[in-house]
Amino acid sequence: MNEPAAFANPGLFDPLALRGLELSHRGWVAAMCQYSADGINAPGMPNDWHLMHLGSFAAGERH
């Protein structure tokens, strides 16, 4: 039995529209606060740890 188009599983690289936001693909990582950003010198800004950690996902490393 075929699924209706509304219930079909979308592809990873298909665009996704959420209200007024359109994402070009579905491959993204949610923010995870394993270590807090620098609250003194640059409040709310990611630091080198975040760059390396999140960059490792782009490099295909397993966690």
Protein backbone atom coordinates (compact mmCIF):
# COMPACT_ATOMS: atom_id res chain seq x y z
CA MET A 1 0.00 0.00 0.00
CA ASN A 2 1.42 3.39 -0.97
CA GLU A 3 1.64 6.17 1.61
CA PRO A 4 -0.05 9.50 0.84
CA ALA A 5 2.42 12.23 -0.15
CA ALA A 6 1.78 14.08 3.14
CA PHE A 7 3.14 11.10 5.12
CA ALA A 8 6.04 10.12 2.86
CA ASN A 9 9.49 10.12 4.47
CA PRO A 10 11.46 13.10 3.13
CA GLY A 11 15.10 12.77 2.06
CA LEU A 12 17.98 14.11 4.13
CA PHE A 13 18.84 16.71 1.50
CA ASP A 14 15.26 17.81 0.80
CA PRO A 15 14.41 21.36 1.92
CA LEU A 16 12.41 21.81 5.12
CA ALA A 17 10.03 24.71 5.73
CA LEU A 18 9.10 25.63 9.32
CA ARG A 19 6.74 28.58 9.43
CA GLY A 20 8.79 31.48 7.97
CA LEU A 21 12.11 29.60 7.99
CA GLU A 22 13.27 27.44 5.08
CA LEU A 23 16.28 25.15 5.58
CA SER A 24 18.10 23.91 2.49
CA HIS A 25 18.56 20.41 3.96
CA ARG A 26 17.77 18.35 7.06
CA GLY A 27 21.33 17.56 8.15
CA TRP A 28 21.94 19.72 11.22
CA VAL A 29 22.97 19.28 14.83
CA ALA A 30 21.06 20.83 17.72
CA ALA A 31 22.98 22.99 20.17
CA MET A 32 24.39 20.96 23.03
CA CYS A 33 25.81 22.66 26.11
CA GLN A 34 28.49 20.17 27.07
CA TYR A 35 30.70 23.09 28.02
CA SER A 36 29.47 26.63 28.46
CA ALA A 37 30.63 29.44 26.23
CA ASP A 38 32.99 32.03 27.69
CA GLY A 39 30.81 34.08 30.02
CA ILE A 40 33.44 36.70 30.88
CA ASN A 41 35.38 37.72 27.75
CA ALA A 42 32.74 36.99 25.12
CA PRO A 43 29.35 36.21 26.69
CA GLY A 44 27.29 33.81 24.61
CA MET A 45 29.96 33.29 21.96
CA PRO A 46 31.33 29.85 21.12
CA ASN A 47 35.03 29.27 21.69
CA ASP A 48 37.74 27.01 20.25
CA TRP A 49 36.33 23.97 22.06
CA HIS A 50 33.00 24.41 20.27
CA LEU A 51 34.75 24.87 16.91
CA MET A 52 36.64 21.59 17.29
CA HIS A 53 33.70 19.65 18.73
CA LEU A 54 31.14 20.71 16.13
CA GLY A 55 33.74 20.62 13.35
CA SER A 56 34.35 16.96 14.14
CA PHE A 57 30.76 16.23 13.07
CA ALA A 58 31.47 17.82 9.68
CA ALA A 59 34.62 15.70 9.40
CA GLY A 60 32.56 12.56 9.95
CA GLU A 61 34.12 11.56 13.26
CA ARG A 62 32.08 9.33 15.54
CA HIS A 63 31.19 10.43 19.05
